[in-house]
Amino acid sequence: MIYFCGMQQKIVLIGGPGTGKTSVLNTLSQKGFFCMAEVSREVILKAKKDGIDQLFLTAPLLFSEKLLEGREKQYQKATDTEEEIVFFDRGIPDVFAYMDYFKTSYPSIFIEKSKEYLYNKVFMFSPWEEIYTSDNERYETFEQAIVINTFLEKAYKKIGYELITVPFGSIEDRTNFILNSLDTKE
């Protein structure tokens, strides 16, 4: 059993699209950890249901506001639990990182919320062409994923985070790397 020192640990997994974050998050969930799934797919699917095929492309600021709201709710939900550790598939700074990538102007609230809701550790998943796939909600090319990754890295460093790079490897190896990197005591 793992015991975590001090208060609840909020751990965020970041990286461009198709880098393996969700696969690792699913494995962490299967191991019994409390995990918060990526909210952008929810927002995209709801918009499609409402008749908007590409909300991010047609109304990028509205899309980003919905993402910010969803990620803020996830953070608050995590805080309200008694779980000692919570993993997030993407964090609040991802929202302004993507807006920077798309050269979309946005109000300062996006940076303010990123500074208000802090994570204990940030694990960075680098672009990995061998595992990259696109689907109905992920329409970026691998080359775009590489560029997005640099915007994510810059956004988190802007807030003051030190990023921990997750090495390439099997899902189990990557999961174990993260678990072994946490502040724990036996």
N, C-alpha and C. Protein backbone atom coordinates (compact mmCIF):
# COMPACT_ATOMS: atom_id res chain seq x y z
N MET A 1 0.85 -1.20 0.00
CA MET A 1 0.00 0.00 0.00
C MET A 1 0.88 1.24 0.00
N ILE A 2 0.47 2.24 -0.77
CA ILE A 2 1.23 3.49 -0.84
C ILE A 2 0.53 4.53 0.02
N TYR A 3 1.32 5.22 0.84
CA TYR A 3 0.80 6.33 1.64
C TYR A 3 1.49 7.59 1.15
N PHE A 4 0.73 8.65 0.99
CA PHE A 4 1.28 9.88 0.47
C PHE A 4 1.49 10.87 1.59
N CYS A 5 2.63 11.53 1.53
CA CYS A 5 3.00 12.50 2.55
C CYS A 5 2.11 13.74 2.44
N GLY A 6 1.62 14.21 3.55
CA GLY A 6 0.90 15.48 3.58
C GLY A 6 -0.47 15.43 2.97
N MET A 7 -0.83 16.53 2.35
CA MET A 7 -2.16 16.72 1.78
C MET A 7 -2.35 15.92 0.50
N GLN A 8 -3.54 16.02 -0.03
CA GLN A 8 -3.88 15.34 -1.28
C GLN A 8 -2.91 15.75 -2.39
N GLN A 9 -2.52 14.77 -3.18
CA GLN A 9 -1.65 15.04 -4.32
C GLN A 9 -2.50 15.06 -5.59
N LYS A 10 -2.36 16.15 -6.34
CA LYS A 10 -3.03 16.28 -7.63
C LYS A 10 -1.94 16.17 -8.69
N ILE A 11 -2.06 15.14 -9.51
CA ILE A 11 -1.04 14.83 -10.51
C ILE A 11 -1.66 14.97 -11.89
N VAL A 12 -1.04 15.76 -12.76
CA VAL A 12 -1.58 15.97 -14.10
C VAL A 12 -0.66 15.35 -15.15
N LEU A 13 -1.30 14.70 -16.12
CA LEU A 13 -0.59 14.11 -17.26
C LEU A 13 -0.83 15.02 -18.45
N ILE A 14 0.26 15.54 -19.04
CA ILE A 14 0.12 16.46 -20.17
C ILE A 14 0.92 15.96 -21.36
N GLY A 15 0.65 16.55 -22.50
CA GLY A 15 1.37 16.23 -23.73
C GLY A 15 0.44 16.46 -24.90
N GLY A 16 1.01 16.54 -26.06
CA GLY A 16 0.21 16.72 -27.26
C GLY A 16 -0.75 15.56 -27.47
N PRO A 17 -1.61 15.68 -28.46
CA PRO A 17 -2.56 14.60 -28.73
C PRO A 17 -1.84 13.31 -29.14
N GLY A 18 -2.39 12.18 -28.70
CA GLY A 18 -1.88 10.89 -29.13
C GLY A 18 -0.55 10.48 -28.53
N THR A 19 -0.24 10.97 -27.32
CA THR A 19 1.06 10.66 -26.71
C THR A 19 0.99 9.52 -25.69
N GLY A 20 -0.22 9.01 -25.42
CA GLY A 20 -0.37 7.88 -24.50
C GLY A 20 -0.89 8.22 -23.13
N LYS A 21 -1.28 9.47 -22.91
CA LYS A 21 -1.76 9.90 -21.59
C LYS A 21 -2.98 9.09 -21.14
N THR A 22 -3.96 8.99 -22.02
CA THR A 22 -5.21 8.33 -21.66
C THR A 22 -5.00 6.84 -21.38
N SER A 23 -4.13 6.19 -22.12
CA SER A 23 -3.84 4.77 -21.88
C SER A 23 -3.24 4.58 -20.49
N VAL A 24 -2.33 5.48 -20.12
CA VAL A 24 -1.72 5.39 -18.78
C VAL A 24 -2.76 5.72 -17.71
N LEU A 25 -3.59 6.73 -17.97
CA LEU A 25 -4.63 7.09 -17.00
C LEU A 25 -5.59 5.92 -16.79
N ASN A 26 -5.95 5.24 -17.87
CA ASN A 26 -6.83 4.06 -17.75
C ASN A 26 -6.18 2.97 -16.91
N THR A 27 -4.88 2.77 -17.08
CA THR A 27 -4.16 1.77 -16.28
C THR A 27 -4.13 2.19 -14.81
N LEU A 28 -3.89 3.47 -14.55
CA LEU A 28 -3.91 3.96 -13.16
C LEU A 28 -5.29 3.73 -12.54
N SER A 29 -6.33 3.97 -13.31
CA SER A 29 -7.69 3.75 -12.84
C SER A 29 -7.92 2.28 -12.52
N GLN A 30 -7.44 1.40 -13.41
CA GLN A 30 -7.57 -0.04 -13.17
C GLN A 30 -6.83 -0.48 -11.92
N LYS A 31 -5.77 0.25 -11.57
CA LYS A 31 -5.00 -0.06 -10.36
C LYS A 31 -5.67 0.52 -9.10
N GLY A 32 -6.80 1.18 -9.29
CA GLY A 32 -7.55 1.68 -8.14
C GLY A 32 -7.35 3.14 -7.82
N PHE A 33 -6.61 3.86 -8.65
CA PHE A 33 -6.41 5.28 -8.40
C PHE A 33 -7.60 6.09 -8.90
N PHE A 34 -7.83 7.22 -8.25
CA PHE A 34 -8.91 8.13 -8.63
C PHE A 34 -8.41 8.97 -9.80
N CYS A 35 -9.10 8.88 -10.94
CA CYS A 35 -8.63 9.55 -12.16
C CYS A 35 -9.73 10.41 -12.78
N MET A 36 -9.32 11.56 -13.29
CA MET A 36 -10.21 12.48 -13.97
C MET A 36 -9.91 12.42 -15.47
N ALA A 37 -10.89 12.00 -16.25
CA ALA A 37 -10.71 11.85 -17.70
C ALA A 37 -10.64 13.21 -18.39
N GLU A 38 -10.12 13.20 -19.59
CA GLU A 38 -10.04 14.41 -20.42
C GLU A 38 -11.46 14.92 -20.70
N VAL A 39 -11.69 16.22 -20.48
CA VAL A 39 -13.04 16.78 -20.67
C VAL A 39 -13.30 17.27 -22.09
N SER A 40 -12.26 17.44 -22.90
CA SER A 40 -12.50 18.02 -24.24
C SER A 40 -13.36 17.11 -25.11
N ARG A 41 -13.20 15.80 -24.96
CA ARG A 41 -14.04 14.89 -25.76
C ARG A 41 -15.51 15.07 -25.40
N GLU A 42 -15.80 15.25 -24.11
CA GLU A 42 -17.18 15.51 -23.66
C GLU A 42 -17.73 16.77 -24.32
N VAL A 43 -16.92 17.84 -24.29
CA VAL A 43 -17.35 19.13 -24.86
C VAL A 43 -17.58 18.98 -26.36
N ILE A 44 -16.66 18.30 -27.04
CA ILE A 44 -16.78 18.10 -28.50
C ILE A 44 -18.04 17.29 -28.83
N LEU A 45 -18.26 16.20 -28.10
CA LEU A 45 -19.42 15.35 -28.38
C LEU A 45 -20.73 16.08 -28.08
N LYS A 46 -20.76 16.88 -27.01
CA LYS A 46 -21.97 17.64 -26.69
C LYS A 46 -22.25 18.67 -27.78
N ALA A 47 -21.20 19.34 -28.25
CA ALA A 47 -21.38 20.33 -29.32
C ALA A 47 -21.91 19.65 -30.59
N LYS A 48 -21.38 18.47 -30.92
CA LYS A 48 -21.85 17.75 -32.11
C LYS A 48 -23.31 17.38 -31.95
N LYS A 49 -23.69 16.98 -30.75
CA LYS A 49 -25.08 16.64 -30.45
C LYS A 49 -25.98 17.86 -30.65
N ASP A 50 -25.41 19.05 -30.32
CA ASP A 50 -26.15 20.30 -30.47
C ASP A 50 -26.05 20.88 -31.89
N GLY A 51 -25.43 20.11 -32.81
CA GLY A 51 -25.37 20.53 -34.21
C GLY A 51 -24.14 21.31 -34.62
N ILE A 52 -23.14 21.41 -33.73
CA ILE A 52 -21.90 22.13 -34.07
C ILE A 52 -20.81 21.10 -34.29
N ASP A 53 -20.39 20.93 -35.53
CA ASP A 53 -19.46 19.86 -35.88
C ASP A 53 -18.07 20.07 -35.29
N GLN A 54 -17.51 21.26 -35.38
CA GLN A 54 -16.16 21.55 -34.88
C GLN A 54 -16.22 22.80 -34.01
N LEU A 55 -16.67 22.67 -32.77
CA LEU A 55 -16.83 23.83 -31.89
C LEU A 55 -15.53 24.59 -31.74
N PHE A 56 -14.41 23.87 -31.60
CA PHE A 56 -13.15 24.58 -31.41
C PHE A 56 -12.81 25.45 -32.61
N LEU A 57 -13.11 24.97 -33.80
CA LEU A 57 -12.79 25.74 -35.00
C LEU A 57 -13.79 26.86 -35.26
N THR A 58 -15.07 26.65 -34.91
CA THR A 58 -16.09 27.67 -35.18
C THR A 58 -16.20 28.70 -34.06
N ALA A 59 -15.96 28.30 -32.82
CA ALA A 59 -16.04 29.22 -31.68
C ALA A 59 -14.96 28.86 -30.65
N PRO A 60 -13.69 29.14 -31.00
CA PRO A 60 -12.59 28.69 -30.13
C PRO A 60 -12.65 29.21 -28.70
N LEU A 61 -13.07 30.46 -28.52
CA LEU A 61 -13.13 30.99 -27.16
C LEU A 61 -14.24 30.31 -26.36
N LEU A 62 -15.40 30.09 -26.97
CA LEU A 62 -16.49 29.39 -26.29
C LEU A 62 -16.06 27.97 -25.92
N PHE A 63 -15.43 27.28 -26.85
CA PHE A 63 -14.92 25.93 -26.59
C PHE A 63 -13.97 25.96 -25.40
N SER A 64 -13.05 26.92 -25.39
CA SER A 64 -12.05 27.02 -24.33
C SER A 64 -12.69 27.37 -22.98
N GLU A 65 -13.72 28.22 -23.01
CA GLU A 65 -14.44 28.54 -21.77
C GLU A 65 -15.11 27.29 -21.20
N LYS A 66 -15.67 26.47 -22.08
CA LYS A 66 -16.31 25.22 -21.63
C LYS A 66 -15.26 24.24 -21.08
N LEU A 67 -14.10 24.21 -21.71
CA LEU A 67 -13.02 23.36 -21.19
C LEU A 67 -12.56 23.84 -19.82
N LEU A 68 -12.35 25.15 -19.70
CA LEU A 68 -11.91 25.72 -18.43
C LEU A 68 -12.92 25.39 -17.34
N GLU A 69 -14.19 25.57 -17.63
CA GLU A 69 -15.25 25.27 -16.67
C GLU A 69 -15.22 23.79 -16.27
N GLY A 70 -15.08 22.91 -17.26
CA GLY A 70 -15.04 21.47 -16.98
C GLY A 70 -13.82 21.08 -16.16
N ARG A 71 -12.67 21.64 -16.47
CA ARG A 71 -11.45 21.29 -15.73
C ARG A 71 -11.49 21.87 -14.32
N GLU A 72 -12.08 23.04 -14.17
CA GLU A 72 -12.23 23.63 -12.84
C GLU A 72 -13.15 22.75 -11.98
N LYS A 73 -14.24 22.27 -12.56
CA LYS A 73 -15.16 21.39 -11.84
C LYS A 73 -14.45 20.09 -11.43
N GLN A 74 -13.64 19.55 -12.34
CA GLN A 74 -12.88 18.34 -12.02
C GLN A 74 -11.96 18.58 -10.83
N TYR A 75 -11.27 19.71 -10.85
CA TYR A 75 -10.33 20.04 -9.77
C TYR A 75 -11.08 20.13 -8.44
N GLN A 76 -12.22 20.81 -8.46
CA GLN A 76 -13.02 20.96 -7.24
C GLN A 76 -13.55 19.61 -6.77
N LYS A 77 -13.99 18.77 -7.71
CA LYS A 77 -14.48 17.44 -7.36
C LYS A 77 -13.35 16.62 -6.71
N ALA A 78 -12.16 16.73 -7.26
CA ALA A 78 -11.01 16.02 -6.69
C ALA A 78 -10.73 16.50 -5.27
N THR A 79 -10.78 17.81 -5.09
CA THR A 79 -10.52 18.40 -3.77
C THR A 79 -11.56 17.93 -2.76
N ASP A 80 -12.79 17.73 -3.20
CA ASP A 80 -13.87 17.32 -2.31
C ASP A 80 -13.81 15.84 -1.92
N THR A 81 -12.97 15.07 -2.61
CA THR A 81 -12.86 13.65 -2.27
C THR A 81 -11.87 13.48 -1.13
N GLU A 82 -11.89 12.30 -0.56
CA GLU A 82 -10.91 11.99 0.48
C GLU A 82 -9.74 11.19 -0.08
N GLU A 83 -9.67 11.13 -1.41
CA GLU A 83 -8.58 10.40 -2.05
C GLU A 83 -7.25 11.08 -1.76
N GLU A 84 -6.23 10.27 -1.52
CA GLU A 84 -4.91 10.82 -1.22
C GLU A 84 -4.19 11.29 -2.48
N ILE A 85 -4.59 10.72 -3.62
CA ILE A 85 -3.99 11.10 -4.89
C ILE A 85 -5.05 11.09 -5.97
N VAL A 86 -4.97 12.09 -6.86
CA VAL A 86 -5.89 12.17 -7.98
C VAL A 86 -5.06 12.46 -9.23
N PHE A 87 -5.32 11.70 -10.28
CA PHE A 87 -4.66 11.90 -11.56
C PHE A 87 -5.62 12.60 -12.52
N PHE A 88 -5.09 13.54 -13.30
CA PHE A 88 -5.87 14.29 -14.29
C PHE A 88 -5.29 14.07 -15.67
N ASP A 89 -6.16 13.78 -16.64
CA ASP A 89 -5.78 13.72 -18.05
C ASP A 89 -5.91 15.15 -18.58
N ARG A 90 -4.83 15.87 -18.57
CA ARG A 90 -4.72 17.29 -18.91
C ARG A 90 -5.14 18.15 -17.73
N GLY A 91 -4.59 19.36 -17.70
CA GLY A 91 -4.88 20.29 -16.62
C GLY A 91 -5.37 21.63 -17.14
N ILE A 92 -5.59 22.53 -16.25
CA ILE A 92 -6.15 23.83 -16.58
C ILE A 92 -5.23 24.63 -17.52
N PRO A 93 -3.89 24.64 -17.33
CA PRO A 93 -3.05 25.40 -18.27
C PRO A 93 -3.11 24.90 -19.72
N ASP A 94 -3.56 23.67 -19.95
CA ASP A 94 -3.71 23.17 -21.32
C ASP A 94 -4.61 24.08 -22.14
N VAL A 95 -5.60 24.68 -21.48
CA VAL A 95 -6.60 25.48 -22.20
C VAL A 95 -5.93 26.68 -22.86
N PHE A 96 -5.14 27.44 -22.10
CA PHE A 96 -4.52 28.61 -22.74
C PHE A 96 -3.36 28.20 -23.65
N ALA A 97 -2.75 27.05 -23.39
CA ALA A 97 -1.70 26.56 -24.29
C ALA A 97 -2.26 26.32 -25.69
N TYR A 98 -3.42 25.70 -25.76
CA TYR A 98 -4.05 25.45 -27.06
C TYR A 98 -4.49 26.76 -27.72
N MET A 99 -4.98 27.71 -26.91
CA MET A 99 -5.37 28.99 -27.50
C MET A 99 -4.14 29.73 -28.04
N ASP A 100 -3.02 29.64 -27.33
CA ASP A 100 -1.78 30.22 -27.85
C ASP A 100 -1.39 29.54 -29.16
N TYR A 101 -1.50 28.22 -29.19
CA TYR A 101 -1.17 27.47 -30.41
C TYR A 101 -2.02 27.95 -31.60
N PHE A 102 -3.30 28.16 -31.36
CA PHE A 102 -4.20 28.59 -32.43
C PHE A 102 -4.26 30.11 -32.60
N LYS A 103 -3.40 30.82 -31.85
CA LYS A 103 -3.33 32.29 -31.93
C LYS A 103 -4.69 32.94 -31.66
N THR A 104 -5.38 32.40 -30.66
CA THR A 104 -6.69 32.92 -30.24
C THR A 104 -6.49 33.82 -29.03
N SER A 105 -6.99 35.05 -29.09
CA SER A 105 -6.87 35.90 -27.90
C SER A 105 -7.88 35.46 -26.86
N TYR A 106 -7.51 35.70 -25.60
CA TYR A 106 -8.35 35.26 -24.49
C TYR A 106 -8.15 36.18 -23.30
N PRO A 107 -9.17 36.24 -22.43
CA PRO A 107 -9.06 37.09 -21.24
C PRO A 107 -8.08 36.49 -20.22
N SER A 108 -7.62 37.32 -19.32
CA SER A 108 -6.61 36.92 -18.33
C SER A 108 -7.11 35.85 -17.37
N ILE A 109 -8.42 35.61 -17.31
CA ILE A 109 -8.96 34.60 -16.39
C ILE A 109 -8.36 33.22 -16.63
N PHE A 110 -7.96 32.94 -17.87
CA PHE A 110 -7.38 31.63 -18.18
C PHE A 110 -6.04 31.44 -17.47
N ILE A 111 -5.22 32.48 -17.43
CA ILE A 111 -3.94 32.43 -16.71
C ILE A 111 -4.21 32.45 -15.20
N GLU A 112 -5.13 33.30 -14.77
CA GLU A 112 -5.46 33.41 -13.34
C GLU A 112 -5.93 32.07 -12.78
N LYS A 113 -6.82 31.39 -13.49
CA LYS A 113 -7.31 30.08 -13.03
C LYS A 113 -6.17 29.06 -13.01
N SER A 114 -5.26 29.15 -13.96
CA SER A 114 -4.12 28.24 -14.00
C SER A 114 -3.21 28.43 -12.79
N LYS A 115 -3.15 29.65 -12.29
CA LYS A 115 -2.33 29.95 -11.10
C LYS A 115 -3.09 29.65 -9.81
N GLU A 116 -4.42 29.67 -9.88
CA GLU A 116 -5.26 29.41 -8.69
C GLU A 116 -5.35 27.92 -8.39
N TYR A 117 -5.55 27.11 -9.43
CA TYR A 117 -5.72 25.67 -9.25
C TYR A 117 -4.41 24.97 -9.62
N LEU A 118 -3.62 24.67 -8.60
CA LEU A 118 -2.28 24.13 -8.84
C LEU A 118 -2.23 22.62 -8.66
N TYR A 119 -1.32 22.01 -9.38
CA TYR A 119 -1.08 20.57 -9.31
C TYR A 119 0.25 20.33 -8.60
N ASN A 120 0.35 19.17 -7.93
CA ASN A 120 1.58 18.85 -7.22
C ASN A 120 2.71 18.44 -8.17
N LYS A 121 2.35 17.67 -9.18
CA LYS A 121 3.36 17.22 -10.15
C LYS A 121 2.74 17.20 -11.54
N VAL A 122 3.61 17.44 -12.53
CA VAL A 122 3.18 17.46 -13.92
C VAL A 122 4.07 16.49 -14.69
N PHE A 123 3.44 15.48 -15.27
CA PHE A 123 4.16 14.49 -16.08
C PHE A 123 3.90 14.78 -17.55
N MET A 124 4.99 14.96 -18.29
CA MET A 124 4.93 15.32 -19.71
C MET A 124 5.14 14.10 -20.59
N PHE A 125 4.18 13.86 -21.49
CA PHE A 125 4.27 12.78 -22.46
C PHE A 125 4.69 13.40 -23.79
N SER A 126 5.83 12.98 -24.33
CA SER A 126 6.34 13.53 -25.58
C SER A 126 5.67 12.87 -26.78
N PRO A 127 5.62 13.58 -27.91
CA PRO A 127 5.08 12.98 -29.13
C PRO A 127 5.86 11.72 -29.48
N TRP A 128 5.10 10.69 -29.89
CA TRP A 128 5.69 9.39 -30.18
C TRP A 128 4.96 8.84 -31.40
N GLU A 129 5.61 8.94 -32.54
CA GLU A 129 4.96 8.62 -33.82
C GLU A 129 4.45 7.19 -33.88
N GLU A 130 5.16 6.27 -33.26
CA GLU A 130 4.77 4.84 -33.31
C GLU A 130 3.39 4.57 -32.72
N ILE A 131 2.97 5.39 -31.75
CA ILE A 131 1.67 5.13 -31.10
C ILE A 131 0.61 6.14 -31.52
N TYR A 132 0.98 7.15 -32.31
CA TYR A 132 0.05 8.21 -32.66
C TYR A 132 -1.05 7.72 -33.60
N THR A 133 -2.29 8.04 -33.27
CA THR A 133 -3.43 7.77 -34.16
C THR A 133 -4.37 8.97 -34.09
N SER A 134 -5.14 9.17 -35.12
CA SER A 134 -6.16 10.23 -35.08
C SER A 134 -7.53 9.55 -35.10
N ASP A 135 -8.55 10.30 -34.70
CA ASP A 135 -9.92 9.77 -34.70
C ASP A 135 -10.88 10.91 -34.90
N ASN A 136 -12.17 10.68 -34.66
CA ASN A 136 -13.19 11.72 -34.91
C ASN A 136 -13.03 12.96 -34.04
N GLU A 137 -12.46 12.81 -32.83
CA GLU A 137 -12.27 13.97 -31.97
C GLU A 137 -10.83 14.48 -32.01
N ARG A 138 -9.91 13.67 -32.50
CA ARG A 138 -8.50 14.08 -32.59
C ARG A 138 -8.16 14.23 -34.07
N TYR A 139 -8.17 15.45 -34.55
CA TYR A 139 -7.98 15.67 -35.97
C TYR A 139 -6.61 16.26 -36.31
N GLU A 140 -5.74 16.42 -35.32
CA GLU A 140 -4.42 16.97 -35.57
C GLU A 140 -3.52 15.92 -36.23
N THR A 141 -2.59 16.40 -37.05
CA THR A 141 -1.58 15.51 -37.62
C THR A 141 -0.49 15.29 -36.57
N PHE A 142 0.38 14.32 -36.81
CA PHE A 142 1.49 14.09 -35.88
C PHE A 142 2.39 15.32 -35.81
N GLU A 143 2.61 15.98 -36.94
CA GLU A 143 3.45 17.18 -36.97
C GLU A 143 2.84 18.29 -36.12
N GLN A 144 1.52 18.42 -36.19
CA GLN A 144 0.84 19.42 -35.35
C GLN A 144 0.94 19.03 -33.87
N ALA A 145 0.88 17.74 -33.58
CA ALA A 145 1.01 17.28 -32.19
C ALA A 145 2.36 17.68 -31.60
N ILE A 146 3.40 17.64 -32.42
CA ILE A 146 4.74 18.04 -31.96
C ILE A 146 4.73 19.52 -31.58
N VAL A 147 4.14 20.35 -32.43
CA VAL A 147 4.10 21.79 -32.16
C VAL A 147 3.23 22.07 -30.93
N ILE A 148 2.09 21.41 -30.84
CA ILE A 148 1.21 21.59 -29.67
C ILE A 148 1.96 21.25 -28.39
N ASN A 149 2.76 20.21 -28.45
CA ASN A 149 3.55 19.80 -27.29
C ASN A 149 4.44 20.93 -26.80
N THR A 150 5.05 21.68 -27.71
CA THR A 150 5.92 22.79 -27.30
C THR A 150 5.11 23.90 -26.63
N PHE A 151 3.88 24.13 -27.12
CA PHE A 151 3.03 25.15 -26.49
C PHE A 151 2.60 24.71 -25.08
N LEU A 152 2.34 23.42 -24.92
CA LEU A 152 1.97 22.90 -23.59
C LEU A 152 3.14 23.07 -22.62
N GLU A 153 4.32 22.69 -23.08
CA GLU A 153 5.51 22.81 -22.24
C GLU A 153 5.72 24.26 -21.81
N LYS A 154 5.60 25.17 -22.76
CA LYS A 154 5.78 26.60 -22.47
C LYS A 154 4.73 27.10 -21.47
N ALA A 155 3.48 26.69 -21.64
CA ALA A 155 2.39 27.14 -20.76
C ALA A 155 2.62 26.70 -19.32
N TYR A 156 2.96 25.44 -19.13
CA TYR A 156 3.17 24.94 -17.77
C TYR A 156 4.40 25.58 -17.12
N LYS A 157 5.45 25.79 -17.90
CA LYS A 157 6.65 26.45 -17.36
C LYS A 157 6.35 27.91 -17.01
N LYS A 158 5.47 28.55 -17.78
CA LYS A 158 5.06 29.93 -17.50
C LYS A 158 4.41 30.03 -16.12
N ILE A 159 3.65 29.00 -15.74
CA ILE A 159 2.99 28.99 -14.43
C ILE A 159 3.99 28.65 -13.33
N GLY A 160 5.13 28.06 -13.72
CA GLY A 160 6.18 27.76 -12.73
C GLY A 160 6.38 26.28 -12.45
N TYR A 161 5.77 25.42 -13.24
CA TYR A 161 5.90 23.98 -13.02
C TYR A 161 7.24 23.45 -13.54
N GLU A 162 7.75 22.46 -12.83
CA GLU A 162 8.87 21.67 -13.31
C GLU A 162 8.26 20.41 -13.92
N LEU A 163 8.55 20.14 -15.16
CA LEU A 163 7.94 19.02 -15.86
C LEU A 163 8.79 17.77 -15.73
N ILE A 164 8.13 16.65 -15.51
CA ILE A 164 8.80 15.35 -15.43
C ILE A 164 8.46 14.61 -16.72
N THR A 165 9.47 14.34 -17.54
CA THR A 165 9.25 13.67 -18.82
C THR A 165 9.08 12.17 -18.61
N VAL A 166 7.97 11.65 -19.12
CA VAL A 166 7.68 10.22 -19.04
C VAL A 166 8.42 9.55 -20.22
N PRO A 167 9.30 8.58 -19.94
CA PRO A 167 10.02 7.93 -21.04
C PRO A 167 9.10 7.05 -21.88
N PHE A 168 9.50 6.83 -23.14
CA PHE A 168 8.78 5.91 -24.00
C PHE A 168 8.91 4.51 -23.40
N GLY A 169 7.92 3.68 -23.65
CA GLY A 169 7.93 2.31 -23.16
C GLY A 169 6.52 1.77 -23.16
N SER A 170 6.37 0.59 -22.59
CA SER A 170 5.04 -0.01 -22.52
C SER A 170 4.15 0.83 -21.59
N ILE A 171 2.86 0.64 -21.71
CA ILE A 171 1.93 1.36 -20.84
C ILE A 171 2.25 1.07 -19.38
N GLU A 172 2.54 -0.19 -19.08
CA GLU A 172 2.87 -0.58 -17.71
C GLU A 172 4.15 0.10 -17.24
N ASP A 173 5.17 0.15 -18.10
CA ASP A 173 6.43 0.81 -17.72
C ASP A 173 6.22 2.30 -17.46
N ARG A 174 5.43 2.93 -18.30
CA ARG A 174 5.17 4.36 -18.14
C ARG A 174 4.36 4.62 -16.86
N THR A 175 3.39 3.75 -16.60
CA THR A 175 2.60 3.87 -15.37
C THR A 175 3.49 3.71 -14.15
N ASN A 176 4.34 2.70 -14.17
CA ASN A 176 5.25 2.47 -13.04
C ASN A 176 6.22 3.63 -12.86
N PHE A 177 6.70 4.21 -13.95
CA PHE A 177 7.59 5.38 -13.85
C PHE A 177 6.90 6.49 -13.06
N ILE A 178 5.64 6.76 -13.40
CA ILE A 178 4.89 7.82 -12.71
C ILE A 178 4.72 7.47 -11.23
N LEU A 179 4.28 6.26 -10.96
CA LEU A 179 4.05 5.86 -9.56
C LEU A 179 5.35 5.91 -8.75
N ASN A 180 6.45 5.53 -9.37
CA ASN A 180 7.74 5.55 -8.67
C ASN A 180 8.28 6.97 -8.49
N SER A 181 7.72 7.93 -9.20
CA SER A 181 8.18 9.32 -9.12
C SER A 181 7.39 10.14 -8.10
N LEU A 182 6.37 9.57 -7.49
CA LEU A 182 5.54 10.31 -6.56
C LEU A 182 6.19 10.40 -5.19
N ASP A 183 5.78 11.43 -4.43
CA ASP A 183 6.25 11.57 -3.06
C ASP A 183 5.51 10.58 -2.20
N THR A 184 6.16 9.47 -1.91
CA THR A 184 5.50 8.41 -1.14
C THR A 184 6.40 7.92 -0.03
N LYS A 185 5.79 7.20 0.87
CA LYS A 185 6.54 6.47 1.88
C LYS A 185 5.86 5.13 2.03
N GLU A 186 6.61 4.13 2.29
CA GLU A 186 6.03 2.78 2.45
C GLU A 186 5.48 2.60 3.84
